[in-house]
Amino acid sequence: MQDVIVQGVSLLGSLLILAAFIAAQMGKMRTSDLRYVVLNLVGSGILAIVAIIEQQWGFLLLEGTWAVVSAWSIARMQYRA
């Protein structure tokens, strides 16, 4: 049962990142929009937690970095405002 939950959470994180990417590619959202960065932060944060649980260190490096960069971008956006 735990595997099903972990897979569902992983899908949610992936869908959030993909939603932002697809919206940007279709011109519905700019990559500089706060919504875009927040979707990336939440999605990559979820996937980083899953990577820790599953002890997937390469995946943690990827998603953890993605989350940190997204958080940094949000902080910069807030500082500029």
PDB file of N, CA and C in Angstrom:
ATOM      1  N   MET A   1       0.821  -1.201   0.000  1.00  0.00           N
ATOM      2  CA  MET A   1       0.000   0.000   0.000  1.00  0.00           C
ATOM      3  C   MET A   1       0.863   1.262   0.000  1.00  0.00           C
ATOM      4  N   GLN A   2       1.976   1.209   0.761  1.00  0.00           N
ATOM      5  CA  GLN A   2       2.857   2.373   0.813  1.00  0.00           C
ATOM      6  C   GLN A   2       3.407   2.692  -0.570  1.00  0.00           C
ATOM      7  N   ASP A   3       3.720   1.667  -1.366  1.00  0.00           N
ATOM      8  CA  ASP A   3       4.230   1.895  -2.720  1.00  0.00           C
ATOM      9  C   ASP A   3       3.216   2.651  -3.577  1.00  0.00           C
ATOM     10  N   VAL A   4       1.950   2.323  -3.422  1.00  0.00           N
ATOM     11  CA  VAL A   4       0.899   2.991  -4.188  1.00  0.00           C
ATOM     12  C   VAL A   4       0.820   4.459  -3.792  1.00  0.00           C
ATOM     13  N   ILE A   5       0.926   4.740  -2.507  1.00  0.00           N
ATOM     14  CA  ILE A   5       0.881   6.124  -2.030  1.00  0.00           C
ATOM     15  C   ILE A   5       2.086   6.903  -2.545  1.00  0.00           C
ATOM     16  N   VAL A   6       3.269   6.319  -2.448  1.00  0.00           N
ATOM     17  CA  VAL A   6       4.491   6.977  -2.927  1.00  0.00           C
ATOM     18  C   VAL A   6       4.388   7.252  -4.425  1.00  0.00           C
ATOM     19  N   GLN A   7       3.866   6.302  -5.178  1.00  0.00           N
ATOM     20  CA  GLN A   7       3.709   6.497  -6.625  1.00  0.00           C
ATOM     21  C   GLN A   7       2.695   7.599  -6.914  1.00  0.00           C
ATOM     22  N   GLY A   8       1.613   7.640  -6.168  1.00  0.00           N
ATOM     23  CA  GLY A   8       0.612   8.695  -6.359  1.00  0.00           C
ATOM     24  C   GLY A   8       1.168  10.071  -6.052  1.00  0.00           C
ATOM     25  N   VAL A   9       1.933  10.170  -4.968  1.00  0.00           N
ATOM     26  CA  VAL A   9       2.559  11.443  -4.608  1.00  0.00           C
ATOM     27  C   VAL A   9       3.582  11.849  -5.676  1.00  0.00           C
ATOM     28  N   SER A  10       4.343  10.872  -6.173  1.00  0.00           N
ATOM     29  CA  SER A  10       5.313  11.144  -7.244  1.00  0.00           C
ATOM     30  C   SER A  10       4.615  11.670  -8.492  1.00  0.00           C
ATOM     31  N   LEU A  11       3.502  11.061  -8.840  1.00  0.00           N
ATOM     32  CA  LEU A  11       2.740  11.527 -10.001  1.00  0.00           C
ATOM     33  C   LEU A  11       2.256  12.960  -9.805  1.00  0.00           C
ATOM     34  N   LEU A  12       1.804  13.273  -8.610  1.00  0.00           N
ATOM     35  CA  LEU A  12       1.347  14.633  -8.324  1.00  0.00           C
ATOM     36  C   LEU A  12       2.491  15.637  -8.523  1.00  0.00           C
ATOM     37  N   GLY A  13       3.649  15.344  -7.950  1.00  0.00           N
ATOM     38  CA  GLY A  13       4.790  16.233  -8.114  1.00  0.00           C
ATOM     39  C   GLY A  13       5.180  16.407  -9.568  1.00  0.00           C
ATOM     40  N   SER A  14       5.197  15.305 -10.300  1.00  0.00           N
ATOM     41  CA  SER A  14       5.542  15.365 -11.725  1.00  0.00           C
ATOM     42  C   SER A  14       4.518  16.172 -12.507  1.00  0.00           C
ATOM     43  N   LEU A  15       3.248  15.973 -12.204  1.00  0.00           N
ATOM     44  CA  LEU A  15       2.191  16.705 -12.914  1.00  0.00           C
ATOM     45  C   LEU A  15       2.263  18.205 -12.671  1.00  0.00           C
ATOM     46  N   LEU A  16       2.647  18.606 -11.477  1.00  0.00           N
ATOM     47  CA  LEU A  16       2.781  20.039 -11.192  1.00  0.00           C
ATOM     48  C   LEU A  16       3.890  20.660 -12.045  1.00  0.00           C
ATOM     49  N   ILE A  17       5.023  19.983 -12.107  1.00  0.00           N
ATOM     50  CA  ILE A  17       6.138  20.482 -12.922  1.00  0.00           C
ATOM     51  C   ILE A  17       5.751  20.487 -14.405  1.00  0.00           C
ATOM     52  N   LEU A  18       5.141  19.418 -14.851  1.00  0.00           N
ATOM     53  CA  LEU A  18       4.743  19.330 -16.258  1.00  0.00           C
ATOM     54  C   LEU A  18       3.670  20.354 -16.615  1.00  0.00           C
ATOM     55  N   ALA A  19       2.764  20.625 -15.692  1.00  0.00           N
ATOM     56  CA  ALA A  19       1.724  21.635 -15.956  1.00  0.00           C
ATOM     57  C   ALA A  19       2.364  22.996 -16.202  1.00  0.00           C
ATOM     58  N   ALA A  20       3.337  23.350 -15.375  1.00  0.00           N
ATOM     59  CA  ALA A  20       4.031  24.627 -15.561  1.00  0.00           C
ATOM     60  C   ALA A  20       4.769  24.644 -16.895  1.00  0.00           C
ATOM     61  N   PHE A  21       5.460  23.571 -17.206  1.00  0.00           N
ATOM     62  CA  PHE A  21       6.225  23.487 -18.452  1.00  0.00           C
ATOM     63  C   PHE A  21       5.315  23.592 -19.672  1.00  0.00           C
ATOM     64  N   ILE A  22       4.232  22.841 -19.670  1.00  0.00           N
ATOM     65  CA  ILE A  22       3.304  22.841 -20.805  1.00  0.00           C
ATOM     66  C   ILE A  22       2.655  24.219 -20.952  1.00  0.00           C
ATOM     67  N   ALA A  23       2.254  24.815 -19.833  1.00  0.00           N
ATOM     68  CA  ALA A  23       1.651  26.152 -19.887  1.00  0.00           C
ATOM     69  C   ALA A  23       2.630  27.167 -20.471  1.00  0.00           C
ATOM     70  N   ALA A  24       3.889  27.071 -20.102  1.00  0.00           N
ATOM     71  CA  ALA A  24       4.898  27.989 -20.645  1.00  0.00           C
ATOM     72  C   ALA A  24       5.110  27.739 -22.133  1.00  0.00           C
ATOM     73  N   GLN A  25       5.151  26.493 -22.537  1.00  0.00           N
ATOM     74  CA  GLN A  25       5.364  26.170 -23.951  1.00  0.00           C
ATOM     75  C   GLN A  25       4.193  26.611 -24.817  1.00  0.00           C
ATOM     76  N   MET A  26       3.002  26.608 -24.244  1.00  0.00           N
ATOM     77  CA  MET A  26       1.813  27.009 -24.989  1.00  0.00           C
ATOM     78  C   MET A  26       1.557  28.514 -24.901  1.00  0.00           C
ATOM     79  N   GLY A  27       2.428  29.235 -24.214  1.00  0.00           N
ATOM     80  CA  GLY A  27       2.278  30.674 -24.091  1.00  0.00           C
ATOM     81  C   GLY A  27       1.222  31.102 -23.086  1.00  0.00           C
ATOM     82  N   LYS A  28       0.775  30.205 -22.239  1.00  0.00           N
ATOM     83  CA  LYS A  28      -0.253  30.520 -21.239  1.00  0.00           C
ATOM     84  C   LYS A  28       0.351  31.059 -19.948  1.00  0.00           C
ATOM     85  N   MET A  29       1.654  30.863 -19.784  1.00  0.00           N
ATOM     86  CA  MET A  29       2.330  31.293 -18.572  1.00  0.00           C
ATOM     87  C   MET A  29       3.778  31.604 -18.938  1.00  0.00           C
ATOM     88  N   ARG A  30       4.304  32.657 -18.362  1.00  0.00           N
ATOM     89  CA  ARG A  30       5.715  32.977 -18.587  1.00  0.00           C
ATOM     90  C   ARG A  30       6.566  32.301 -17.515  1.00  0.00           C
ATOM     91  N   THR A  31       7.792  31.954 -17.883  1.00  0.00           N
ATOM     92  CA  THR A  31       8.673  31.328 -16.904  1.00  0.00           C
ATOM     93  C   THR A  31       9.058  32.297 -15.789  1.00  0.00           C
ATOM     94  N   SER A  32       8.836  33.563 -15.983  1.00  0.00           N
ATOM     95  CA  SER A  32       9.116  34.562 -14.950  1.00  0.00           C
ATOM     96  C   SER A  32       7.910  34.797 -14.035  1.00  0.00           C
ATOM     97  N   ASP A  33       6.783  34.149 -14.314  1.00  0.00           N
ATOM     98  CA  ASP A  33       5.589  34.283 -13.470  1.00  0.00           C
ATOM     99  C   ASP A  33       5.796  33.565 -12.143  1.00  0.00           C
ATOM    100  N   LEU A  34       5.291  34.151 -11.090  1.00  0.00           N
ATOM    101  CA  LEU A  34       5.365  33.522  -9.775  1.00  0.00           C
ATOM    102  C   LEU A  34       4.669  32.162  -9.792  1.00  0.00           C
ATOM    103  N   ARG A  35       3.543  32.060 -10.491  1.00  0.00           N
ATOM    104  CA  ARG A  35       2.816  30.779 -10.566  1.00  0.00           C
ATOM    105  C   ARG A  35       3.694  29.672 -11.125  1.00  0.00           C
ATOM    106  N   TYR A  36       4.454  29.976 -12.158  1.00  0.00           N
ATOM    107  CA  TYR A  36       5.341  28.999 -12.795  1.00  0.00           C
ATOM    108  C   TYR A  36       6.379  28.495 -11.793  1.00  0.00           C
ATOM    109  N   VAL A  37       6.996  29.436 -11.095  1.00  0.00           N
ATOM    110  CA  VAL A  37       8.061  29.062 -10.162  1.00  0.00           C
ATOM    111  C   VAL A  37       7.497  28.299  -8.964  1.00  0.00           C
ATOM    112  N   VAL A  38       6.322  28.704  -8.484  1.00  0.00           N
ATOM    113  CA  VAL A  38       5.710  27.999  -7.356  1.00  0.00           C
ATOM    114  C   VAL A  38       5.353  26.564  -7.744  1.00  0.00           C
ATOM    115  N   LEU A  39       4.787  26.384  -8.927  1.00  0.00           N
ATOM    116  CA  LEU A  39       4.492  25.016  -9.385  1.00  0.00           C
ATOM    117  C   LEU A  39       5.760  24.170  -9.428  1.00  0.00           C
ATOM    118  N   ASN A  40       6.851  24.750  -9.899  1.00  0.00           N
ATOM    119  CA  ASN A  40       8.120  24.030  -9.942  1.00  0.00           C
ATOM    120  C   ASN A  40       8.647  23.733  -8.539  1.00  0.00           C
ATOM    121  N   LEU A  41       8.529  24.697  -7.634  1.00  0.00           N
ATOM    122  CA  LEU A  41       8.997  24.487  -6.264  1.00  0.00           C
ATOM    123  C   LEU A  41       8.215  23.370  -5.574  1.00  0.00           C
ATOM    124  N   VAL A  42       6.906  23.441  -5.653  1.00  0.00           N
ATOM    125  CA  VAL A  42       6.082  22.431  -4.976  1.00  0.00           C
ATOM    126  C   VAL A  42       6.304  21.053  -5.607  1.00  0.00           C
ATOM    127  N   GLY A  43       6.285  20.997  -6.932  1.00  0.00           N
ATOM    128  CA  GLY A  43       6.479  19.712  -7.610  1.00  0.00           C
ATOM    129  C   GLY A  43       7.831  19.107  -7.318  1.00  0.00           C
ATOM    130  N   SER A  44       8.884  19.903  -7.433  1.00  0.00           N
ATOM    131  CA  SER A  44      10.226  19.369  -7.188  1.00  0.00           C
ATOM    132  C   SER A  44      10.444  19.073  -5.712  1.00  0.00           C
ATOM    133  N   GLY A  45       9.820  19.847  -4.832  1.00  0.00           N
ATOM    134  CA  GLY A  45       9.914  19.558  -3.403  1.00  0.00           C
ATOM    135  C   GLY A  45       9.286  18.216  -3.061  1.00  0.00           C
ATOM    136  N   ILE A  46       8.128  17.959  -3.633  1.00  0.00           N
ATOM    137  CA  ILE A  46       7.464  16.660  -3.434  1.00  0.00           C
ATOM    138  C   ILE A  46       8.366  15.534  -3.933  1.00  0.00           C
ATOM    139  N   LEU A  47       8.907  15.709  -5.136  1.00  0.00           N
ATOM    140  CA  LEU A  47       9.755  14.653  -5.706  1.00  0.00           C
ATOM    141  C   LEU A  47      11.053  14.482  -4.929  1.00  0.00           C
ATOM    142  N   ALA A  48      11.582  15.551  -4.358  1.00  0.00           N
ATOM    143  CA  ALA A  48      12.788  15.436  -3.535  1.00  0.00           C
ATOM    144  C   ALA A  48      12.501  14.627  -2.274  1.00  0.00           C
ATOM    145  N   ILE A  49      11.343  14.850  -1.673  1.00  0.00           N
ATOM    146  CA  ILE A  49      10.967  14.070  -0.481  1.00  0.00           C
ATOM    147  C   ILE A  49      10.807  12.601  -0.833  1.00  0.00           C
ATOM    148  N   VAL A  50      10.175  12.326  -1.956  1.00  0.00           N
ATOM    149  CA  VAL A  50      10.033  10.936  -2.415  1.00  0.00           C
ATOM    150  C   VAL A  50      11.410  10.321  -2.643  1.00  0.00           C
ATOM    151  N   ALA A  51      12.329  11.089  -3.218  1.00  0.00           N
ATOM    152  CA  ALA A  51      13.683  10.587  -3.471  1.00  0.00           C
ATOM    153  C   ALA A  51      14.379  10.222  -2.166  1.00  0.00           C
ATOM    154  N   ILE A  52      14.162  11.016  -1.124  1.00  0.00           N
ATOM    155  CA  ILE A  52      14.747  10.693   0.183  1.00  0.00           C
ATOM    156  C   ILE A  52      14.170   9.388   0.712  1.00  0.00           C
ATOM    157  N   ILE A  53      12.848   9.283   0.657  1.00  0.00           N
ATOM    158  CA  ILE A  53      12.172   8.076   1.153  1.00  0.00           C
ATOM    159  C   ILE A  53      12.666   6.837   0.413  1.00  0.00           C
ATOM    160  N   GLU A  54      12.810   6.957  -0.893  1.00  0.00           N
ATOM    161  CA  GLU A  54      13.208   5.828  -1.733  1.00  0.00           C
ATOM    162  C   GLU A  54      14.728   5.664  -1.842  1.00  0.00           C
ATOM    163  N   GLN A  55      15.476   6.555  -1.198  1.00  0.00           N
ATOM    164  CA  GLN A  55      16.939   6.552  -1.232  1.00  0.00           C
ATOM    165  C   GLN A  55      17.470   6.558  -2.665  1.00  0.00           C
ATOM    166  N   GLN A  56      16.904   7.457  -3.456  1.00  0.00           N
ATOM    167  CA  GLN A  56      17.301   7.662  -4.849  1.00  0.00           C
ATOM    168  C   GLN A  56      18.165   8.916  -4.889  1.00  0.00           C
ATOM    169  N   TRP A  57      19.455   8.772  -4.651  1.00  0.00           N
ATOM    170  CA  TRP A  57      20.324   9.924  -4.423  1.00  0.00           C
ATOM    171  C   TRP A  57      20.524  10.782  -5.670  1.00  0.00           C
ATOM    172  N   GLY A  58      20.616  10.187  -6.828  1.00  0.00           N
ATOM    173  CA  GLY A  58      20.734  10.964  -8.054  1.00  0.00           C
ATOM    174  C   GLY A  58      19.481  11.784  -8.308  1.00  0.00           C
ATOM    175  N   PHE A  59      18.341  11.171  -8.070  1.00  0.00           N
ATOM    176  CA  PHE A  59      17.055  11.855  -8.235  1.00  0.00           C
ATOM    177  C   PHE A  59      16.919  12.968  -7.201  1.00  0.00           C
ATOM    178  N   LEU A  60      17.410  12.722  -5.990  1.00  0.00           N
ATOM    179  CA  LEU A  60      17.387  13.752  -4.954  1.00  0.00           C
ATOM    180  C   LEU A  60      18.255  14.939  -5.369  1.00  0.00           C
ATOM    181  N   LEU A  61      19.412  14.674  -5.941  1.00  0.00           N
ATOM    182  CA  LEU A  61      20.270  15.766  -6.403  1.00  0.00           C
ATOM    183  C   LEU A  61      19.544  16.617  -7.439  1.00  0.00           C
ATOM    184  N   LEU A  62      18.914  15.965  -8.402  1.00  0.00           N
ATOM    185  CA  LEU A  62      18.188  16.673  -9.451  1.00  0.00           C
ATOM    186  C   LEU A  62      17.031  17.486  -8.874  1.00  0.00           C
ATOM    187  N   GLU A  63      16.147  16.840  -8.161  1.00  0.00           N
ATOM    188  CA  GLU A  63      14.942  17.507  -7.668  1.00  0.00           C
ATOM    189  C   GLU A  63      15.238  18.467  -6.525  1.00  0.00           C
ATOM    190  N   GLY A  64      16.211  18.132  -5.688  1.00  0.00           N
ATOM    191  CA  GLY A  64      16.600  19.040  -4.616  1.00  0.00           C
ATOM    192  C   GLY A  64      17.171  20.334  -5.173  1.00  0.00           C
ATOM    193  N   THR A  65      18.012  20.205  -6.197  1.00  0.00           N
ATOM    194  CA  THR A  65      18.568  21.393  -6.844  1.00  0.00           C
ATOM    195  C   THR A  65      17.465  22.203  -7.488  1.00  0.00           C
ATOM    196  N   TRP A  66      16.544  21.525  -8.158  1.00  0.00           N
ATOM    197  CA  TRP A  66      15.416  22.196  -8.808  1.00  0.00           C
ATOM    198  C   TRP A  66      14.613  22.981  -7.763  1.00  0.00           C
ATOM    199  N   ALA A  67      14.367  22.363  -6.613  1.00  0.00           N
ATOM    200  CA  ALA A  67      13.598  23.023  -5.550  1.00  0.00           C
ATOM    201  C   ALA A  67      14.348  24.229  -4.982  1.00  0.00           C
ATOM    202  N   VAL A  68      15.648  24.077  -4.760  1.00  0.00           N
ATOM    203  CA  VAL A  68      16.441  25.181  -4.207  1.00  0.00           C
ATOM    204  C   VAL A  68      16.475  26.359  -5.183  1.00  0.00           C
ATOM    205  N   VAL A  69      16.680  26.072  -6.458  1.00  0.00           N
ATOM    206  CA  VAL A  69      16.712  27.145  -7.458  1.00  0.00           C
ATOM    207  C   VAL A  69      15.348  27.827  -7.552  1.00  0.00           C
ATOM    208  N   SER A  70      14.285  27.051  -7.490  1.00  0.00           N
ATOM    209  CA  SER A  70      12.936  27.628  -7.526  1.00  0.00           C
ATOM    210  C   SER A  70      12.693  28.508  -6.304  1.00  0.00           C
ATOM    211  N   ALA A  71      13.094  28.032  -5.127  1.00  0.00           N
ATOM    212  CA  ALA A  71      12.924  28.819  -3.906  1.00  0.00           C
ATOM    213  C   ALA A  71      13.746  30.105  -3.989  1.00  0.00           C
ATOM    214  N   TRP A  72      14.950  30.017  -4.519  1.00  0.00           N
ATOM    215  CA  TRP A  72      15.804  31.196  -4.694  1.00  0.00           C
ATOM    216  C   TRP A  72      15.125  32.201  -5.631  1.00  0.00           C
ATOM    217  N   SER A  73      14.524  31.700  -6.702  1.00  0.00           N
ATOM    218  CA  SER A  73      13.827  32.577  -7.641  1.00  0.00           C
ATOM    219  C   SER A  73      12.655  33.279  -6.988  1.00  0.00           C
ATOM    220  N   ILE A  74      11.913  32.557  -6.168  1.00  0.00           N
ATOM    221  CA  ILE A  74      10.778  33.167  -5.461  1.00  0.00           C
ATOM    222  C   ILE A  74      11.282  34.242  -4.502  1.00  0.00           C
ATOM    223  N   ALA A  75      12.353  33.953  -3.795  1.00  0.00           N
ATOM    224  CA  ALA A  75      12.923  34.927  -2.864  1.00  0.00           C
ATOM    225  C   ALA A  75      13.355  36.187  -3.613  1.00  0.00           C
ATOM    226  N   ARG A  76      13.980  36.021  -4.752  1.00  0.00           N
ATOM    227  CA  ARG A  76      14.398  37.173  -5.561  1.00  0.00           C
ATOM    228  C   ARG A  76      13.187  37.975  -6.032  1.00  0.00           C
ATOM    229  N   MET A  77      12.130  37.272  -6.456  1.00  0.00           N
ATOM    230  CA  MET A  77      10.915  37.955  -6.903  1.00  0.00           C
ATOM    231  C   MET A  77      10.308  38.768  -5.758  1.00  0.00           C
ATOM    232  N   GLN A  78      10.312  38.218  -4.565  1.00  0.00           N
ATOM    233  CA  GLN A  78       9.745  38.914  -3.419  1.00  0.00           C
ATOM    234  C   GLN A  78      10.596  40.106  -3.014  1.00  0.00           C
ATOM    235  N   TYR A  79      11.895  39.963  -3.164  1.00  0.00           N
ATOM    236  CA  TYR A  79      12.808  41.044  -2.812  1.00  0.00           C
ATOM    237  C   TYR A  79      12.641  42.234  -3.761  1.00  0.00           C
ATOM    238  N   ARG A  80      12.422  41.937  -5.040  1.00  0.00           N
ATOM    239  CA  ARG A  80      12.242  42.985  -6.042  1.00  0.00           C
ATOM    240  C   ARG A  80      10.936  43.735  -5.885  1.00  0.00           C
ATOM    241  N   ALA A  81       9.926  43.047  -5.334  1.00  0.00           N
ATOM    242  CA  ALA A  81       8.580  43.642  -5.239  1.00  0.00           C
ATOM    243  C   ALA A  81       8.471  44.722  -4.212  1.00  0.00           C
TER     244      ALA A  81
END
